[in-house]
C-alpha atoms as a PDB file:
ATOM      1  CA  UNK A   1     -72.168 -40.618 -69.471  1.00  0.00           C
ATOM      2  CA  UNK A   2     -73.252 -40.189 -65.860  1.00  0.00           C
ATOM      3  CA  UNK A   3     -70.599 -39.110 -63.367  1.00  0.00           C
ATOM      4  CA  UNK A   4     -71.036 -42.147 -61.091  1.00  0.00           C
ATOM      5  CA  UNK A   5     -70.713 -44.571 -64.012  1.00  0.00           C
ATOM      6  CA  UNK A   6     -67.644 -42.749 -65.366  1.00  0.00           C
ATOM      7  CA  UNK A   7     -65.908 -42.957 -61.982  1.00  0.00           C
ATOM      8  CA  UNK A   8     -66.551 -46.719 -61.881  1.00  0.00           C
ATOM      9  CA  UNK A   9     -65.635 -47.488 -65.528  1.00  0.00           C
ATOM     10  CA  UNK A  10     -62.426 -45.422 -65.324  1.00  0.00           C
ATOM     11  CA  UNK A  11     -61.620 -47.151 -62.010  1.00  0.00           C
ATOM     12  CA  UNK A  12     -61.138 -43.869 -60.144  1.00  0.00           C
ATOM     13  CA  UNK A  13     -63.633 -45.336 -57.644  1.00  0.00           C
ATOM     14  CA  UNK A  14     -63.965 -49.070 -57.036  1.00  0.00           C
ATOM     15  CA  UNK A  15     -67.776 -49.397 -57.055  1.00  0.00           C
ATOM     16  CA  UNK A  16     -70.626 -47.377 -58.544  1.00  0.00           C
ATOM     17  CA  UNK A  17     -72.493 -47.323 -55.230  1.00  0.00           C
ATOM     18  CA  UNK A  18     -69.417 -45.794 -53.579  1.00  0.00           C
ATOM     19  CA  UNK A  19     -69.295 -43.186 -56.368  1.00  0.00           C
ATOM     20  CA  UNK A  20     -72.986 -42.433 -55.718  1.00  0.00           C
ATOM     21  CA  UNK A  21     -72.359 -42.030 -51.982  1.00  0.00           C
ATOM     22  CA  UNK A  22     -69.391 -39.705 -52.614  1.00  0.00           C
ATOM     23  CA  UNK A  23     -71.576 -37.510 -54.831  1.00  0.00           C
ATOM     24  CA  UNK A  24     -74.433 -37.481 -52.293  1.00  0.00           C
ATOM     25  CA  UNK A  25     -71.983 -36.442 -49.551  1.00  0.00           C
ATOM     26  CA  UNK A  26     -70.743 -33.580 -51.801  1.00  0.00           C
ATOM     27  CA  UNK A  27     -67.188 -34.949 -51.992  1.00  0.00           C
ATOM     28  CA  UNK A  28     -67.042 -34.739 -55.809  1.00  0.00           C
ATOM     29  CA  UNK A  29     -66.628 -31.542 -57.819  1.00  0.00           C
ATOM     30  CA  UNK A  30     -66.652 -31.118 -61.591  1.00  0.00           C
ATOM     31  CA  UNK A  31     -65.116 -27.930 -62.966  1.00  0.00           C
ATOM     32  CA  UNK A  32     -65.082 -26.413 -59.480  1.00  0.00           C
ATOM     33  CA  UNK A  33     -68.767 -27.044 -58.685  1.00  0.00           C
ATOM     34  CA  UNK A  34     -70.265 -29.773 -56.491  1.00  0.00           C
ATOM     35  CA  UNK A  35     -71.739 -32.410 -58.816  1.00  0.00           C
ATOM     36  CA  UNK A  36     -74.534 -34.931 -58.452  1.00  0.00           C
ATOM     37  CA  UNK A  37     -74.168 -38.549 -59.574  1.00  0.00           C
ATOM     38  CA  UNK A  38     -76.391 -37.836 -62.593  1.00  0.00           C
ATOM     39  CA  UNK A  39     -74.103 -35.081 -63.954  1.00  0.00           C
ATOM     40  CA  UNK A  40     -73.240 -35.707 -67.630  1.00  0.00           C
ATOM     41  CA  UNK A  41     -69.452 -35.974 -68.055  1.00  0.00           C
ATOM     42  CA  UNK A  42     -67.830 -34.490 -71.167  1.00  0.00           C
ATOM     43  CA  UNK A  43     -64.259 -34.584 -72.502  1.00  0.00           C
ATOM     44  CA  UNK A  44     -62.210 -31.828 -70.880  1.00  0.00           C
ATOM     45  CA  UNK A  45     -64.069 -31.789 -67.550  1.00  0.00           C
ATOM     46  CA  UNK A  46     -61.931 -31.580 -64.392  1.00  0.00           C
ATOM     47  CA  UNK A  47     -63.037 -34.014 -61.660  1.00  0.00           C
ATOM     48  CA  UNK A  48     -61.998 -33.376 -58.053  1.00  0.00           C
ATOM     49  CA  UNK A  49     -62.624 -36.236 -55.573  1.00  0.00           C
ATOM     50  CA  UNK A  50     -62.094 -36.055 -51.794  1.00  0.00           C
ATOM     51  CA  UNK A  51     -62.042 -39.508 -50.127  1.00  0.00           C
ATOM     52  CA  UNK A  52     -60.935 -39.098 -46.530  1.00  0.00           C
ATOM     53  CA  UNK A  53     -57.257 -38.169 -46.625  1.00  0.00           C
ATOM     54  CA  UNK A  54     -57.008 -39.018 -50.349  1.00  0.00           C
ATOM     55  CA  UNK A  55     -57.470 -36.218 -52.861  1.00  0.00           C
ATOM     56  CA  UNK A  56     -57.723 -37.016 -56.591  1.00  0.00           C
ATOM     57  CA  UNK A  57     -57.847 -34.423 -59.363  1.00  0.00           C
ATOM     58  CA  UNK A  58     -58.211 -35.697 -62.932  1.00  0.00           C
ATOM     59  CA  UNK A  59     -59.085 -34.388 -66.385  1.00  0.00           C
ATOM     60  CA  UNK A  60     -61.460 -36.410 -68.576  1.00  0.00           C
ATOM     61  CA  UNK A  61     -59.636 -37.471 -71.760  1.00  0.00           C
ATOM     62  CA  UNK A  62     -62.148 -39.942 -73.236  1.00  0.00           C
ATOM     63  CA  UNK A  63     -65.644 -41.152 -72.393  1.00  0.00           C
ATOM     64  CA  UNK A  64     -66.319 -44.835 -73.070  1.00  0.00           C
ATOM     65  CA  UNK A  65     -69.105 -47.141 -71.875  1.00  0.00           C
ATOM     66  CA  UNK A  66     -66.684 -50.019 -71.291  1.00  0.00           C
ATOM     67  CA  UNK A  67     -63.004 -50.221 -70.455  1.00  0.00           C
ATOM     68  CA  UNK A  68     -60.573 -53.023 -69.736  1.00  0.00           C
ATOM     69  CA  UNK A  69     -58.206 -52.807 -66.806  1.00  0.00           C
ATOM     70  CA  UNK A  70     -55.416 -51.704 -69.135  1.00  0.00           C
ATOM     71  CA  UNK A  71     -57.411 -49.064 -71.028  1.00  0.00           C
ATOM     72  CA  UNK A  72     -59.181 -47.588 -67.977  1.00  0.00           C
ATOM     73  CA  UNK A  73     -56.188 -45.445 -67.037  1.00  0.00           C
ATOM     74  CA  UNK A  74     -56.206 -43.832 -70.506  1.00  0.00           C
ATOM     75  CA  UNK A  75     -59.680 -42.375 -69.859  1.00  0.00           C
ATOM     76  CA  UNK A  76     -58.273 -39.635 -67.602  1.00  0.00           C
ATOM     77  CA  UNK A  77     -55.125 -37.645 -66.896  1.00  0.00           C
ATOM     78  CA  UNK A  78     -54.151 -37.029 -63.266  1.00  0.00           C
ATOM     79  CA  UNK A  79     -53.397 -33.404 -62.433  1.00  0.00           C
END
C-alpha cells in the first residue's frame, strides 16, 4: 500500500492530500529515510511524521485497504 493512503486509512493523517503534502515537504520518514508518497509500506516499517509542533512515531502492525474508525488504531503501534 502507498504511504499516503496508509496514513489516511490508519487515520494518522486526516486527509490523503495532506499526507501527500507532508511527504512532498519531506516531513515523513520511513525507517529513518525521507519517503515519498508512493513508498510501499510493509509490516514492521517505522513511520516518523513531523507536523508543526506535533511529532508522531509509529510502527506498522497491519496493512489493510479499508478500516473502520474502531479498527484503524490497530493498524499501528505508537512508539
